[in-house]
C-alpha atoms as a PDB file:
ATOM      1  CA  MET A   1      -0.737   1.635 -10.838  1.00  0.00           C
ATOM      2  CA  GLY A   2      -2.681  -1.130  -9.734  1.00  0.00           C
ATOM      3  CA  GLN A   3      -5.741   0.601  -9.577  1.00  0.00           C
ATOM      4  CA  ARG A   4      -5.832   1.691 -13.206  1.00  0.00           C
ATOM      5  CA  GLU A   5      -5.295  -1.951 -14.049  1.00  0.00           C
ATOM      6  CA  ASN A   6      -8.736  -3.011 -12.889  1.00  0.00           C
ATOM      7  CA  ASP A   7     -10.448   0.180 -13.802  1.00  0.00           C
ATOM      8  CA  PRO A   8     -12.874  -0.420 -17.093  1.00  0.00           C
ATOM      9  CA  PHE A   9     -12.185   3.087 -18.458  1.00  0.00           C
ATOM     10  CA  TYR A  10      -8.361   2.679 -18.765  1.00  0.00           C
ATOM     11  CA  GLN A  11      -8.849  -1.059 -20.087  1.00  0.00           C
ATOM     12  CA  GLY A  12     -11.287   0.279 -22.875  1.00  0.00           C
ATOM     13  CA  LEU A  13      -9.000   3.016 -23.536  1.00  0.00           C
ATOM     14  CA  SER A  14      -5.924   0.422 -23.939  1.00  0.00           C
ATOM     15  CA  TYR A  15      -7.889  -1.634 -25.909  1.00  0.00           C
ATOM     16  CA  ALA A  16      -8.889   1.040 -28.332  1.00  0.00           C
ATOM     17  CA  ALA A  17      -4.912   2.278 -28.496  1.00  0.00           C
ATOM     18  CA  ARG A  18      -4.350  -1.600 -29.440  1.00  0.00           C
ATOM     19  CA  ILE A  19      -6.564  -2.044 -32.249  1.00  0.00           C
ATOM     20  CA  GLY A  20      -5.680   1.728 -33.618  1.00  0.00           C
ATOM     21  CA  ILE A  21      -2.080   0.844 -33.711  1.00  0.00           C
ATOM     22  CA  GLU A  22      -2.192  -2.639 -35.052  1.00  0.00           C
ATOM     23  CA  MET A  23      -4.624  -1.760 -37.893  1.00  0.00           C
ATOM     24  CA  VAL A  24      -2.304   1.602 -38.615  1.00  0.00           C
ATOM     25  CA  SER A  25       0.950  -0.474 -38.578  1.00  0.00           C
ATOM     26  CA  ALA A  26      -0.214  -3.485 -40.564  1.00  0.00           C
ATOM     27  CA  THR A  27      -1.486  -0.917 -43.312  1.00  0.00           C
ATOM     28  CA  LEU A  28       1.796   0.875 -43.394  1.00  0.00           C
ATOM     29  CA  VAL A  29       3.770  -2.386 -43.221  1.00  0.00           C
ATOM     30  CA  GLY A  30       1.844  -3.275 -46.347  1.00  0.00           C
ATOM     31  CA  ALA A  31       2.222   0.164 -48.085  1.00  0.00           C
ATOM     32  CA  GLY A  32       5.944  -0.190 -47.347  1.00  0.00           C
ATOM     33  CA  ILE A  33       6.553  -3.668 -48.984  1.00  0.00           C
ATOM     34  CA  GLY A  34       4.437  -2.475 -52.121  1.00  0.00           C
ATOM     35  CA  TYR A  35       6.351   0.728 -52.380  1.00  0.00           C
ATOM     36  CA  PHE A  36       9.567  -1.121 -52.316  1.00  0.00           C
ATOM     37  CA  ILE A  37       8.283  -3.844 -55.181  1.00  0.00           C
ATOM     38  CA  ASP A  38       7.038  -0.629 -57.077  1.00  0.00           C
ATOM     39  CA  TRP A  39      10.244   1.023 -56.848  1.00  0.00           C
ATOM     40  CA  LYS A  40      12.447  -2.047 -57.704  1.00  0.00           C
ATOM     41  CA  PHE A  41      10.319  -3.081 -60.461  1.00  0.00           C
ATOM     42  CA  LYS A  42       8.849   0.207 -61.985  1.00  0.00           C
ATOM     43  CA  THR A  43       5.421  -0.935 -61.600  1.00  0.00           C
ATOM     44  CA  VAL A  44       4.039   2.197 -60.015  1.00  0.00           C
ATOM     45  CA  PRO A  45       1.016   2.096 -58.291  1.00  0.00           C
ATOM     46  CA  TRP A  46       0.080  -1.365 -58.568  1.00  0.00           C
ATOM     47  CA  ALA A  47       2.084  -2.896 -55.938  1.00  0.00           C
ATOM     48  CA  LEU A  48       1.468  -0.033 -53.440  1.00  0.00           C
ATOM     49  CA  ILE A  49      -2.275  -0.386 -54.153  1.00  0.00           C
ATOM     50  CA  ALA A  50      -2.070  -4.406 -53.487  1.00  0.00           C
ATOM     51  CA  GLY A  51       0.470  -3.821 -50.456  1.00  0.00           C
ATOM     52  CA  VAL A  52      -2.265  -1.297 -48.757  1.00  0.00           C
ATOM     53  CA  LEU A  53      -4.844  -3.921 -49.150  1.00  0.00           C
ATOM     54  CA  VAL A  54      -2.789  -6.622 -48.044  1.00  0.00           C
ATOM     55  CA  GLY A  55      -1.886  -4.873 -45.154  1.00  0.00           C
ATOM     56  CA  SER A  56      -5.313  -3.782 -44.066  1.00  0.00           C
ATOM     57  CA  ALA A  57      -7.088  -7.103 -44.621  1.00  0.00           C
ATOM     58  CA  ALA A  58      -3.994  -8.074 -42.225  1.00  0.00           C
ATOM     59  CA  GLY A  59      -4.739  -5.634 -39.730  1.00  0.00           C
ATOM     60  CA  PHE A  60      -8.525  -6.683 -39.948  1.00  0.00           C
ATOM     61  CA  LEU A  61      -7.472 -10.099 -39.199  1.00  0.00           C
ATOM     62  CA  ASN A  62      -5.339  -9.083 -36.135  1.00  0.00           C
ATOM     63  CA  ILE A  63      -8.185  -6.978 -34.853  1.00  0.00           C
ATOM     64  CA  TYR A  64     -10.515  -9.915 -35.448  1.00  0.00           C
ATOM     65  CA  ARG A  65      -8.251 -12.267 -33.611  1.00  0.00           C
ATOM     66  CA  PHE A  66      -7.860 -10.005 -30.545  1.00  0.00           C
ATOM     67  CA  VAL A  67     -11.688  -9.590 -30.243  1.00  0.00           C
ATOM     68  CA  GLN A  68     -11.852 -12.919 -30.350  1.00  0.00           C
ATOM     69  CA  ALA A  69      -9.478 -13.746 -27.516  1.00  0.00           C
ATOM     70  CA  MET A  70     -11.006 -11.031 -25.388  1.00  0.00           C
ATOM     71  CA  GLU A  71     -14.470 -12.548 -25.873  1.00  0.00           C
ATOM     72  CA  LYS A  72     -13.261 -15.957 -24.829  1.00  0.00           C
ATOM     73  CA  LYS A  73     -11.308 -14.072 -21.595  1.00  0.00           C
ATOM     74  CA  GLU A  74     -14.579 -12.594 -20.866  1.00  0.00           C
ATOM     75  CA  SER A  75     -16.839 -15.398 -20.978  1.00  0.00           C
ATOM     76  CA  GLU A  76     -14.020 -17.722 -18.776  1.00  0.00           C
ATOM     77  CA  GLN A  77     -14.195 -14.847 -16.225  1.00  0.00           C
ATOM     78  CA  ASP A  78     -18.156 -14.792 -16.076  1.00  0.00           C
ATOM     79  CA  GLN A  79     -18.005 -18.681 -15.638  1.00  0.00           C
ATOM     80  CA  LYS A  80     -15.699 -18.311 -12.909  1.00  0.00           C
ATOM     81  CA  LYS A  81     -18.219 -15.854 -11.207  1.00  0.00           C
ATOM     82  CA  GLU A  82     -20.911 -18.353 -11.533  1.00  0.00           C
END
């Protein structure tokens, strides 16, 4: 198990899975909230569309933050090597 943690292939695979899961889950949460608002206030399909857009934006923001954290971690590791 410890050997897989240091393997770049598995590390890249886990990053890709995390990015995909975060994007899909944020979009689905936004769509769910939009669907509920549409159902409650009979505004079909406007709140659903807005929810999908807001959820997608939140997913992209999460991915951006994740990539920034990974770049920071990588630069810190590079500085330790030098």
